[in-house]
Amino acid sequence: MAIVWTKDLSVGVDSIDAQHQQLFKMADELFDAGKAGKSKEKVGELLSFLGNYTKQHFADEEAYMKKINYPGLAEQQTAHKAFISELGKLQAEYEKSGSNISVIINANQ
């Protein structure tokens, strides 16, 4: 199952859309690495990238939403925090157990 960016996912802001496309690309690479049984270093590298990148992306996205007085900002901030928390748990699980099958399954989900 490829994780593919499609135009209907566009928010109409070039910088945010470009970040979304990059996130989709990296998430797809993580999925492929898990599927292919690639080394734990690759999975760790991608998890680390996603952890750092999503924090920056969410900060940029929230700044833009604040700038345009987006009415759903609070809900987005809550969703972003939940995503970062889940990704952090996955990274901690990876660091604790390495690239075992449960980490790969959780990453894919």
PDB file of N, CA and C in Angstrom:
ATOM      1  N   MET A   1       0.855  -1.177   0.000  1.00  0.00           N
ATOM      2  CA  MET A   1       0.000   0.000   0.000  1.00  0.00           C
ATOM      3  C   MET A   1       0.892   1.228   0.000  1.00  0.00           C
ATOM      4  N   ALA A   2       0.947   1.897  -1.115  1.00  0.00           N
ATOM      5  CA  ALA A   2       1.735   3.122  -1.213  1.00  0.00           C
ATOM      6  C   ALA A   2       0.982   4.274  -0.561  1.00  0.00           C
ATOM      7  N   ILE A   3       1.739   5.171   0.007  1.00  0.00           N
ATOM      8  CA  ILE A   3       1.178   6.384   0.585  1.00  0.00           C
ATOM      9  C   ILE A   3       1.449   7.473  -0.443  1.00  0.00           C
ATOM     10  N   VAL A   4       0.405   7.888  -1.139  1.00  0.00           N
ATOM     11  CA  VAL A   4       0.579   8.748  -2.303  1.00  0.00           C
ATOM     12  C   VAL A   4      -0.128  10.084  -2.106  1.00  0.00           C
ATOM     13  N   TRP A   5       0.586  11.159  -2.435  1.00  0.00           N
ATOM     14  CA  TRP A   5       0.012  12.502  -2.431  1.00  0.00           C
ATOM     15  C   TRP A   5      -0.853  12.652  -3.677  1.00  0.00           C
ATOM     16  N   THR A   6      -2.032  13.204  -3.500  1.00  0.00           N
ATOM     17  CA  THR A   6      -2.902  13.509  -4.635  1.00  0.00           C
ATOM     18  C   THR A   6      -3.336  14.965  -4.534  1.00  0.00           C
ATOM     19  N   LYS A   7      -3.647  15.566  -5.660  1.00  0.00           N
ATOM     20  CA  LYS A   7      -3.996  16.991  -5.696  1.00  0.00           C
ATOM     21  C   LYS A   7      -5.188  17.335  -4.809  1.00  0.00           C
ATOM     22  N   ASP A   8      -6.096  16.387  -4.601  1.00  0.00           N
ATOM     23  CA  ASP A   8      -7.258  16.693  -3.758  1.00  0.00           C
ATOM     24  C   ASP A   8      -6.868  16.903  -2.295  1.00  0.00           C
ATOM     25  N   LEU A   9      -5.630  16.576  -1.934  1.00  0.00           N
ATOM     26  CA  LEU A   9      -5.144  16.796  -0.575  1.00  0.00           C
ATOM     27  C   LEU A   9      -4.544  18.192  -0.395  1.00  0.00           C
ATOM     28  N   SER A  10      -4.428  18.922  -1.481  1.00  0.00           N
ATOM     29  CA  SER A  10      -3.839  20.251  -1.432  1.00  0.00           C
ATOM     30  C   SER A  10      -4.661  21.186  -0.552  1.00  0.00           C
ATOM     31  N   VAL A  11      -3.933  22.006   0.218  1.00  0.00           N
ATOM     32  CA  VAL A  11      -4.602  23.035   1.016  1.00  0.00           C
ATOM     33  C   VAL A  11      -4.545  24.381   0.311  1.00  0.00           C
ATOM     34  N   GLY A  12      -3.886  24.425  -0.837  1.00  0.00           N
ATOM     35  CA  GLY A  12      -3.829  25.645  -1.623  1.00  0.00           C
ATOM     36  C   GLY A  12      -2.739  26.620  -1.201  1.00  0.00           C
ATOM     37  N   VAL A  13      -1.847  26.190  -0.329  1.00  0.00           N
ATOM     38  CA  VAL A  13      -0.719  27.016   0.108  1.00  0.00           C
ATOM     39  C   VAL A  13       0.538  26.254  -0.302  1.00  0.00           C
ATOM     40  N   ASP A  14       1.264  26.828  -1.276  1.00  0.00           N
ATOM     41  CA  ASP A  14       2.386  26.098  -1.872  1.00  0.00           C
ATOM     42  C   ASP A  14       3.381  25.564  -0.851  1.00  0.00           C
ATOM     43  N   SER A  15       3.776  26.381   0.116  1.00  0.00           N
ATOM     44  CA  SER A  15       4.786  25.937   1.086  1.00  0.00           C
ATOM     45  C   SER A  15       4.262  24.783   1.948  1.00  0.00           C
ATOM     46  N   ILE A  16       3.006  24.852   2.355  1.00  0.00           N
ATOM     47  CA  ILE A  16       2.413  23.787   3.175  1.00  0.00           C
ATOM     48  C   ILE A  16       2.224  22.531   2.330  1.00  0.00           C
ATOM     49  N   ASP A  17       1.743  22.698   1.096  1.00  0.00           N
ATOM     50  CA  ASP A  17       1.573  21.545   0.211  1.00  0.00           C
ATOM     51  C   ASP A  17       2.906  20.851  -0.066  1.00  0.00           C
ATOM     52  N   ALA A  18       3.968  21.631  -0.245  1.00  0.00           N
ATOM     53  CA  ALA A  18       5.291  21.031  -0.487  1.00  0.00           C
ATOM     54  C   ALA A  18       5.740  20.224   0.728  1.00  0.00           C
ATOM     55  N   GLN A  19       5.474  20.748   1.924  1.00  0.00           N
ATOM     56  CA  GLN A  19       5.819  20.006   3.136  1.00  0.00           C
ATOM     57  C   GLN A  19       4.983  18.730   3.231  1.00  0.00           C
ATOM     58  N   HIS A  20       3.703  18.828   2.927  1.00  0.00           N
ATOM     59  CA  HIS A  20       2.847  17.634   2.955  1.00  0.00           C
ATOM     60  C   HIS A  20       3.366  16.579   1.984  1.00  0.00           C
ATOM     61  N   GLN A  21       3.759  17.015   0.801  1.00  0.00           N
ATOM     62  CA  GLN A  21       4.281  16.068  -0.187  1.00  0.00           C
ATOM     63  C   GLN A  21       5.539  15.385   0.322  1.00  0.00           C
ATOM     64  N   GLN A  22       6.413  16.135   0.973  1.00  0.00           N
ATOM     65  CA  GLN A  22       7.636  15.553   1.535  1.00  0.00           C
ATOM     66  C   GLN A  22       7.296  14.544   2.635  1.00  0.00           C
ATOM     67  N   LEU A  23       6.331  14.883   3.473  1.00  0.00           N
ATOM     68  CA  LEU A  23       5.916  13.965   4.534  1.00  0.00           C
ATOM     69  C   LEU A  23       5.359  12.673   3.946  1.00  0.00           C
ATOM     70  N   PHE A  24       4.549  12.795   2.911  1.00  0.00           N
ATOM     71  CA  PHE A  24       4.005  11.606   2.255  1.00  0.00           C
ATOM     72  C   PHE A  24       5.128  10.752   1.686  1.00  0.00           C
ATOM     73  N   LYS A  25       6.116  11.399   1.070  1.00  0.00           N
ATOM     74  CA  LYS A  25       7.243  10.666   0.480  1.00  0.00           C
ATOM     75  C   LYS A  25       8.004   9.899   1.565  1.00  0.00           C
ATOM     76  N   MET A  26       8.293  10.558   2.671  1.00  0.00           N
ATOM     77  CA  MET A  26       9.051   9.914   3.730  1.00  0.00           C
ATOM     78  C   MET A  26       8.237   8.827   4.433  1.00  0.00           C
ATOM     79  N   ALA A  27       6.946   9.073   4.627  1.00  0.00           N
ATOM     80  CA  ALA A  27       6.096   8.044   5.233  1.00  0.00           C
ATOM     81  C   ALA A  27       6.035   6.824   4.322  1.00  0.00           C
ATOM     82  N   ASP A  28       5.979   7.046   3.029  1.00  0.00           N
ATOM     83  CA  ASP A  28       5.962   5.936   2.079  1.00  0.00           C
ATOM     84  C   ASP A  28       7.284   5.169   2.119  1.00  0.00           C
ATOM     85  N   GLU A  29       8.387   5.889   2.249  1.00  0.00           N
ATOM     86  CA  GLU A  29       9.690   5.225   2.356  1.00  0.00           C
ATOM     87  C   GLU A  29       9.769   4.389   3.630  1.00  0.00           C
ATOM     88  N   LEU A  30       9.204   4.902   4.711  1.00  0.00           N
ATOM     89  CA  LEU A  30       9.190   4.148   5.964  1.00  0.00           C
ATOM     90  C   LEU A  30       8.372   2.876   5.787  1.00  0.00           C
ATOM     91  N   PHE A  31       7.228   3.008   5.164  1.00  0.00           N
ATOM     92  CA  PHE A  31       6.371   1.849   4.902  1.00  0.00           C
ATOM     93  C   PHE A  31       7.115   0.821   4.052  1.00  0.00           C
ATOM     94  N   ASP A  32       7.755   1.292   2.975  1.00  0.00           N
ATOM     95  CA  ASP A  32       8.496   0.387   2.085  1.00  0.00           C
ATOM     96  C   ASP A  32       9.663  -0.290   2.798  1.00  0.00           C
ATOM     97  N   ALA A  33      10.365   0.466   3.660  1.00  0.00           N
ATOM     98  CA  ALA A  33      11.497  -0.107   4.398  1.00  0.00           C
ATOM     99  C   ALA A  33      11.014  -1.231   5.302  1.00  0.00           C
ATOM    100  N   GLY A  34       9.903  -1.017   5.974  1.00  0.00           N
ATOM    101  CA  GLY A  34       9.350  -2.056   6.833  1.00  0.00           C
ATOM    102  C   GLY A  34       8.919  -3.273   6.047  1.00  0.00           C
ATOM    103  N   LYS A  35       8.256  -3.033   4.927  1.00  0.00           N
ATOM    104  CA  LYS A  35       7.770  -4.117   4.079  1.00  0.00           C
ATOM    105  C   LYS A  35       8.911  -4.952   3.518  1.00  0.00           C
ATOM    106  N   ALA A  36       9.997  -4.280   3.168  1.00  0.00           N
ATOM    107  CA  ALA A  36      11.120  -4.955   2.527  1.00  0.00           C
ATOM    108  C   ALA A  36      12.090  -5.560   3.531  1.00  0.00           C
ATOM    109  N   GLY A  37      11.828  -5.380   4.827  1.00  0.00           N
ATOM    110  CA  GLY A  37      12.726  -5.926   5.830  1.00  0.00           C
ATOM    111  C   GLY A  37      14.092  -5.270   5.816  1.00  0.00           C
ATOM    112  N   LYS A  38      14.130  -3.974   5.465  1.00  0.00           N
ATOM    113  CA  LYS A  38      15.408  -3.256   5.411  1.00  0.00           C
ATOM    114  C   LYS A  38      15.994  -3.122   6.809  1.00  0.00           C
ATOM    115  N   SER A  39      17.210  -2.712   6.857  1.00  0.00           N
ATOM    116  CA  SER A  39      17.942  -2.644   8.118  1.00  0.00           C
ATOM    117  C   SER A  39      17.290  -1.691   9.108  1.00  0.00           C
ATOM    118  N   LYS A  40      17.543  -1.978  10.389  1.00  0.00           N
ATOM    119  CA  LYS A  40      16.977  -1.137  11.431  1.00  0.00           C
ATOM    120  C   LYS A  40      17.498   0.286  11.344  1.00  0.00           C
ATOM    121  N   GLU A  41      18.680   0.483  10.767  1.00  0.00           N
ATOM    122  CA  GLU A  41      19.219   1.831  10.622  1.00  0.00           C
ATOM    123  C   GLU A  41      18.345   2.673   9.705  1.00  0.00           C
ATOM    124  N   LYS A  42      17.834   2.077   8.629  1.00  0.00           N
ATOM    125  CA  LYS A  42      16.981   2.809   7.685  1.00  0.00           C
ATOM    126  C   LYS A  42      15.675   3.203   8.368  1.00  0.00           C
ATOM    127  N   VAL A  43      15.076   2.271   9.089  1.00  0.00           N
ATOM    128  CA  VAL A  43      13.822   2.568   9.775  1.00  0.00           C
ATOM    129  C   VAL A  43      14.064   3.658  10.820  1.00  0.00           C
ATOM    130  N   GLY A  44      15.153   3.546  11.570  1.00  0.00           N
ATOM    131  CA  GLY A  44      15.486   4.551  12.576  1.00  0.00           C
ATOM    132  C   GLY A  44      15.733   5.914  11.961  1.00  0.00           C
ATOM    133  N   GLU A  45      16.428   5.929  10.834  1.00  0.00           N
ATOM    134  CA  GLU A  45      16.711   7.183  10.124  1.00  0.00           C
ATOM    135  C   GLU A  45      15.406   7.866   9.698  1.00  0.00           C
ATOM    136  N   LEU A  46      14.505   7.081   9.158  1.00  0.00           N
ATOM    137  CA  LEU A  46      13.237   7.651   8.701  1.00  0.00           C
ATOM    138  C   LEU A  46      12.365   8.105   9.869  1.00  0.00           C
ATOM    139  N   LEU A  47      12.353   7.342  10.948  1.00  0.00           N
ATOM    140  CA  LEU A  47      11.588   7.757  12.127  1.00  0.00           C
ATOM    141  C   LEU A  47      12.143   9.060  12.691  1.00  0.00           C
ATOM    142  N   SER A  48      13.451   9.164  12.729  1.00  0.00           N
ATOM    143  CA  SER A  48      14.090  10.380  13.230  1.00  0.00           C
ATOM    144  C   SER A  48      13.735  11.568  12.340  1.00  0.00           C
ATOM    145  N   PHE A  49      13.834  11.378  11.030  1.00  0.00           N
ATOM    146  CA  PHE A  49      13.467  12.445  10.098  1.00  0.00           C
ATOM    147  C   PHE A  49      12.023  12.876  10.321  1.00  0.00           C
ATOM    148  N   LEU A  50      11.130  11.906  10.385  1.00  0.00           N
ATOM    149  CA  LEU A  50       9.715  12.234  10.557  1.00  0.00           C
ATOM    150  C   LEU A  50       9.456  12.950  11.875  1.00  0.00           C
ATOM    151  N   GLY A  51      10.150  12.540  12.918  1.00  0.00           N
ATOM    152  CA  GLY A  51       9.987  13.199  14.209  1.00  0.00           C
ATOM    153  C   GLY A  51      10.371  14.662  14.155  1.00  0.00           C
ATOM    154  N   ASN A  52      11.518  14.949  13.588  1.00  0.00           N
ATOM    155  CA  ASN A  52      11.987  16.333  13.483  1.00  0.00           C
ATOM    156  C   ASN A  52      11.167  17.139  12.486  1.00  0.00           C
ATOM    157  N   TYR A  53      10.894  16.547  11.346  1.00  0.00           N
ATOM    158  CA  TYR A  53      10.220  17.260  10.267  1.00  0.00           C
ATOM    159  C   TYR A  53       8.774  17.588  10.625  1.00  0.00           C
ATOM    160  N   THR A  54       8.073  16.649  11.248  1.00  0.00           N
ATOM    161  CA  THR A  54       6.675  16.928  11.581  1.00  0.00           C
ATOM    162  C   THR A  54       6.568  18.059  12.592  1.00  0.00           C
ATOM    163  N   LYS A  55       7.494  18.122  13.539  1.00  0.00           N
ATOM    164  CA  LYS A  55       7.455  19.214  14.515  1.00  0.00           C
ATOM    165  C   LYS A  55       7.587  20.567  13.815  1.00  0.00           C
ATOM    166  N   GLN A  56       8.522  20.666  12.873  1.00  0.00           N
ATOM    167  CA  GLN A  56       8.708  21.923  12.137  1.00  0.00           C
ATOM    168  C   GLN A  56       7.498  22.200  11.244  1.00  0.00           C
ATOM    169  N   HIS A  57       7.031  21.182  10.563  1.00  0.00           N
ATOM    170  CA  HIS A  57       5.877  21.358   9.679  1.00  0.00           C
ATOM    171  C   HIS A  57       4.656  21.815  10.458  1.00  0.00           C
ATOM    172  N   PHE A  58       4.374  21.158  11.562  1.00  0.00           N
ATOM    173  CA  PHE A  58       3.204  21.535  12.352  1.00  0.00           C
ATOM    174  C   PHE A  58       3.333  22.965  12.877  1.00  0.00           C
ATOM    175  N   ALA A  59       4.524  23.363  13.270  1.00  0.00           N
ATOM    176  CA  ALA A  59       4.737  24.739  13.732  1.00  0.00           C
ATOM    177  C   ALA A  59       4.460  25.726  12.596  1.00  0.00           C
ATOM    178  N   ASP A  60       4.962  25.418  11.393  1.00  0.00           N
ATOM    179  CA  ASP A  60       4.723  26.279  10.232  1.00  0.00           C
ATOM    180  C   ASP A  60       3.236  26.339   9.893  1.00  0.00           C
ATOM    181  N   GLU A  61       2.603  25.181   9.909  1.00  0.00           N
ATOM    182  CA  GLU A  61       1.189  25.098   9.572  1.00  0.00           C
ATOM    183  C   GLU A  61       0.339  25.880  10.585  1.00  0.00           C
ATOM    184  N   GLU A  62       0.641  25.724  11.855  1.00  0.00           N
ATOM    185  CA  GLU A  62      -0.113  26.427  12.894  1.00  0.00           C
ATOM    186  C   GLU A  62       0.114  27.937  12.815  1.00  0.00           C
ATOM    187  N   ALA A  63       1.326  28.365  12.479  1.00  0.00           N
ATOM    188  CA  ALA A  63       1.599  29.802  12.317  1.00  0.00           C
ATOM    189  C   ALA A  63       0.764  30.363  11.173  1.00  0.00           C
ATOM    190  N   TYR A  64       0.681  29.604  10.090  1.00  0.00           N
ATOM    191  CA  TYR A  64      -0.136  30.045   8.954  1.00  0.00           C
ATOM    192  C   TYR A  64      -1.613  30.106   9.344  1.00  0.00           C
ATOM    193  N   MET A  65      -2.081  29.087  10.038  1.00  0.00           N
ATOM    194  CA  MET A  65      -3.487  29.062  10.458  1.00  0.00           C
ATOM    195  C   MET A  65      -3.802  30.248  11.376  1.00  0.00           C
ATOM    196  N   LYS A  66      -2.855  30.562  12.258  1.00  0.00           N
ATOM    197  CA  LYS A  66      -3.052  31.701  13.157  1.00  0.00           C
ATOM    198  C   LYS A  66      -3.114  32.997  12.353  1.00  0.00           C
ATOM    199  N   LYS A  67      -2.236  33.111  11.364  1.00  0.00           N
ATOM    200  CA  LYS A  67      -2.167  34.310  10.523  1.00  0.00           C
ATOM    201  C   LYS A  67      -3.494  34.563   9.801  1.00  0.00           C
ATOM    202  N   ILE A  68      -4.153  33.491   9.354  1.00  0.00           N
ATOM    203  CA  ILE A  68      -5.408  33.657   8.609  1.00  0.00           C
ATOM    204  C   ILE A  68      -6.640  33.507   9.500  1.00  0.00           C
ATOM    205  N   ASN A  69      -6.404  33.427  10.814  1.00  0.00           N
ATOM    206  CA  ASN A  69      -7.502  33.263  11.779  1.00  0.00           C
ATOM    207  C   ASN A  69      -8.357  32.023  11.470  1.00  0.00           C
ATOM    208  N   TYR A  70      -7.696  30.935  11.214  1.00  0.00           N
ATOM    209  CA  TYR A  70      -8.382  29.678  10.905  1.00  0.00           C
ATOM    210  C   TYR A  70      -9.207  29.242  12.112  1.00  0.00           C
ATOM    211  N   PRO A  71     -10.521  29.023  11.928  1.00  0.00           N
ATOM    212  CA  PRO A  71     -11.383  28.714  13.075  1.00  0.00           C
ATOM    213  C   PRO A  71     -11.111  27.350  13.724  1.00  0.00           C
ATOM    214  N   GLY A  72     -10.489  26.430  13.002  1.00  0.00           N
ATOM    215  CA  GLY A  72     -10.217  25.109  13.556  1.00  0.00           C
ATOM    216  C   GLY A  72      -8.815  24.954  14.108  1.00  0.00           C
ATOM    217  N   LEU A  73      -8.144  26.064  14.409  1.00  0.00           N
ATOM    218  CA  LEU A  73      -6.755  26.006  14.873  1.00  0.00           C
ATOM    219  C   LEU A  73      -6.589  25.162  16.129  1.00  0.00           C
ATOM    220  N   ALA A  74      -7.448  25.334  17.099  1.00  0.00           N
ATOM    221  CA  ALA A  74      -7.311  24.581  18.360  1.00  0.00           C
ATOM    222  C   ALA A  74      -7.408  23.080  18.113  1.00  0.00           C
ATOM    223  N   GLU A  75      -8.327  22.681  17.257  1.00  0.00           N
ATOM    224  CA  GLU A  75      -8.482  21.255  16.944  1.00  0.00           C
ATOM    225  C   GLU A  75      -7.253  20.722  16.219  1.00  0.00           C
ATOM    226  N   GLN A  76      -6.700  21.530  15.311  1.00  0.00           N
ATOM    227  CA  GLN A  76      -5.494  21.118  14.601  1.00  0.00           C
ATOM    228  C   GLN A  76      -4.319  20.992  15.559  1.00  0.00           C
ATOM    229  N   GLN A  77      -4.205  21.935  16.481  1.00  0.00           N
ATOM    230  CA  GLN A  77      -3.120  21.863  17.456  1.00  0.00           C
ATOM    231  C   GLN A  77      -3.229  20.593  18.300  1.00  0.00           C
ATOM    232  N   THR A  78      -4.438  20.239  18.677  1.00  0.00           N
ATOM    233  CA  THR A  78      -4.659  19.012  19.445  1.00  0.00           C
ATOM    234  C   THR A  78      -4.273  17.790  18.616  1.00  0.00           C
ATOM    235  N   ALA A  79      -4.687  17.767  17.357  1.00  0.00           N
ATOM    236  CA  ALA A  79      -4.346  16.643  16.477  1.00  0.00           C
ATOM    237  C   ALA A  79      -2.841  16.557  16.254  1.00  0.00           C
ATOM    238  N   HIS A  80      -2.206  17.694  16.078  1.00  0.00           N
ATOM    239  CA  HIS A  80      -0.755  17.712  15.880  1.00  0.00           C
ATOM    240  C   HIS A  80      -0.023  17.170  17.109  1.00  0.00           C
ATOM    241  N   LYS A  81      -0.449  17.608  18.288  1.00  0.00           N
ATOM    242  CA  LYS A  81       0.176  17.125  19.522  1.00  0.00           C
ATOM    243  C   LYS A  81       0.002  15.611  19.667  1.00  0.00           C
ATOM    244  N   ALA A  82      -1.192  15.120  19.327  1.00  0.00           N
ATOM    245  CA  ALA A  82      -1.443  13.680  19.424  1.00  0.00           C
ATOM    246  C   ALA A  82      -0.554  12.911  18.451  1.00  0.00           C
ATOM    247  N   PHE A  83      -0.396  13.427  17.240  1.00  0.00           N
ATOM    248  CA  PHE A  83       0.445  12.766  16.244  1.00  0.00           C
ATOM    249  C   PHE A  83       1.895  12.727  16.708  1.00  0.00           C
ATOM    250  N   ILE A  84       2.392  13.867  17.187  1.00  0.00           N
ATOM    251  CA  ILE A  84       3.779  13.933  17.663  1.00  0.00           C
ATOM    252  C   ILE A  84       3.982  12.983  18.845  1.00  0.00           C
ATOM    253  N   SER A  85       2.991  12.887  19.709  1.00  0.00           N
ATOM    254  CA  SER A  85       3.071  11.984  20.848  1.00  0.00           C
ATOM    255  C   SER A  85       3.149  10.526  20.383  1.00  0.00           C
ATOM    256  N   GLU A  86       2.291  10.155  19.453  1.00  0.00           N
ATOM    257  CA  GLU A  86       2.298   8.772  18.942  1.00  0.00           C
ATOM    258  C   GLU A  86       3.605   8.457  18.223  1.00  0.00           C
ATOM    259  N   LEU A  87       4.097   9.409  17.454  1.00  0.00           N
ATOM    260  CA  LEU A  87       5.369   9.205  16.772  1.00  0.00           C
ATOM    261  C   LEU A  87       6.500   9.071  17.789  1.00  0.00           C
ATOM    262  N   GLY A  88       6.444   9.856  18.853  1.00  0.00           N
ATOM    263  CA  GLY A  88       7.440   9.751  19.917  1.00  0.00           C
ATOM    264  C   GLY A  88       7.422   8.380  20.581  1.00  0.00           C
ATOM    265  N   LYS A  89       6.220   7.851  20.803  1.00  0.00           N
ATOM    266  CA  LYS A  89       6.096   6.506  21.384  1.00  0.00           C
ATOM    267  C   LYS A  89       6.706   5.469  20.451  1.00  0.00           C
ATOM    268  N   LEU A  90       6.447   5.620  19.164  1.00  0.00           N
ATOM    269  CA  LEU A  90       6.998   4.690  18.185  1.00  0.00           C
ATOM    270  C   LEU A  90       8.527   4.782  18.160  1.00  0.00           C
ATOM    271  N   GLN A  91       9.065   5.992  18.223  1.00  0.00           N
ATOM    272  CA  GLN A  91      10.519   6.163  18.253  1.00  0.00           C
ATOM    273  C   GLN A  91      11.112   5.530  19.514  1.00  0.00           C
ATOM    274  N   ALA A  92      10.453   5.716  20.647  1.00  0.00           N
ATOM    275  CA  ALA A  92      10.933   5.124  21.898  1.00  0.00           C
ATOM    276  C   ALA A  92      10.897   3.601  21.821  1.00  0.00           C
ATOM    277  N   GLU A  93       9.831   3.075  21.245  1.00  0.00           N
ATOM    278  CA  GLU A  93       9.722   1.620  21.084  1.00  0.00           C
ATOM    279  C   GLU A  93      10.838   1.108  20.178  1.00  0.00           C
ATOM    280  N   TYR A  94      11.122   1.857  19.118  1.00  0.00           N
ATOM    281  CA  TYR A  94      12.199   1.473  18.207  1.00  0.00           C
ATOM    282  C   TYR A  94      13.538   1.462  18.941  1.00  0.00           C
ATOM    283  N   GLU A  95      13.806   2.515  19.695  1.00  0.00           N
ATOM    284  CA  GLU A  95      15.079   2.612  20.417  1.00  0.00           C
ATOM    285  C   GLU A  95      15.218   1.506  21.458  1.00  0.00           C
ATOM    286  N   LYS A  96      14.106   1.128  22.051  1.00  0.00           N
ATOM    287  CA  LYS A  96      14.139   0.098  23.084  1.00  0.00           C
ATOM    288  C   LYS A  96      14.322  -1.299  22.482  1.00  0.00           C
ATOM    289  N   SER A  97      13.594  -1.574  21.409  1.00  0.00           N
ATOM    290  CA  SER A  97      13.576  -2.946  20.904  1.00  0.00           C
ATOM    291  C   SER A  97      14.236  -3.130  19.543  1.00  0.00           C
ATOM    292  N   GLY A  98      14.626  -2.041  18.910  1.00  0.00           N
ATOM    293  CA  GLY A  98      15.209  -2.165  17.582  1.00  0.00           C
ATOM    294  C   GLY A  98      14.126  -2.404  16.546  1.00  0.00           C
ATOM    295  N   SER A  99      14.544  -2.803  15.396  1.00  0.00           N
ATOM    296  CA  SER A  99      13.622  -2.943  14.271  1.00  0.00           C
ATOM    297  C   SER A  99      12.944  -4.301  14.282  1.00  0.00           C
ATOM    298  N   ASN A 100      12.149  -4.539  15.314  1.00  0.00           N
ATOM    299  CA  ASN A 100      11.433  -5.810  15.330  1.00  0.00           C
ATOM    300  C   ASN A 100      10.088  -5.657  14.633  1.00  0.00           C
ATOM    301  N   ILE A 101       9.411  -6.735  14.435  1.00  0.00           N
ATOM    302  CA  ILE A 101       8.183  -6.737  13.645  1.00  0.00           C
ATOM    303  C   ILE A 101       7.097  -5.855  14.247  1.00  0.00           C
ATOM    304  N   SER A 102       6.994  -5.771  15.565  1.00  0.00           N
ATOM    305  CA  SER A 102       5.944  -4.950  16.159  1.00  0.00           C
ATOM    306  C   SER A 102       6.173  -3.468  15.883  1.00  0.00           C
ATOM    307  N   VAL A 103       7.432  -3.029  15.862  1.00  0.00           N
ATOM    308  CA  VAL A 103       7.732  -1.633  15.557  1.00  0.00           C
ATOM    309  C   VAL A 103       7.340  -1.337  14.114  1.00  0.00           C
ATOM    310  N   ILE A 104       7.678  -2.248  13.210  1.00  0.00           N
ATOM    311  CA  ILE A 104       7.358  -2.043  11.798  1.00  0.00           C
ATOM    312  C   ILE A 104       5.844  -2.008  11.592  1.00  0.00           C
ATOM    313  N   ILE A 105       5.121  -2.906  12.257  1.00  0.00           N
ATOM    314  CA  ILE A 105       3.661  -2.914  12.143  1.00  0.00           C
ATOM    315  C   ILE A 105       3.091  -1.604  12.669  1.00  0.00           C
ATOM    316  N   ASN A 106       3.565  -1.148  13.817  1.00  0.00           N
ATOM    317  CA  ASN A 106       3.086   0.124  14.376  1.00  0.00           C
ATOM    318  C   ASN A 106       3.434   1.293  13.470  1.00  0.00           C
ATOM    319  N   ALA A 107       4.607   1.284  12.880  1.00  0.00           N
ATOM    320  CA  ALA A 107       5.005   2.355  11.960  1.00  0.00           C
ATOM    321  C   ALA A 107       4.090   2.374  10.738  1.00  0.00           C
ATOM    322  N   ASN A 108       3.761   1.208  10.235  1.00  0.00           N
ATOM    323  CA  ASN A 108       2.888   1.133   9.077  1.00  0.00           C
ATOM    324  C   ASN A 108       1.496   1.663   9.389  1.00  0.00           C
ATOM    325  N   GLN A 109       1.041   1.424  10.603  1.00  0.00           N
ATOM    326  CA  GLN A 109      -0.284   1.919  10.982  1.00  0.00           C
ATOM    327  C   GLN A 109      -0.248   3.407  11.168  1.00  0.00           C
TER     328      GLN A 109
END
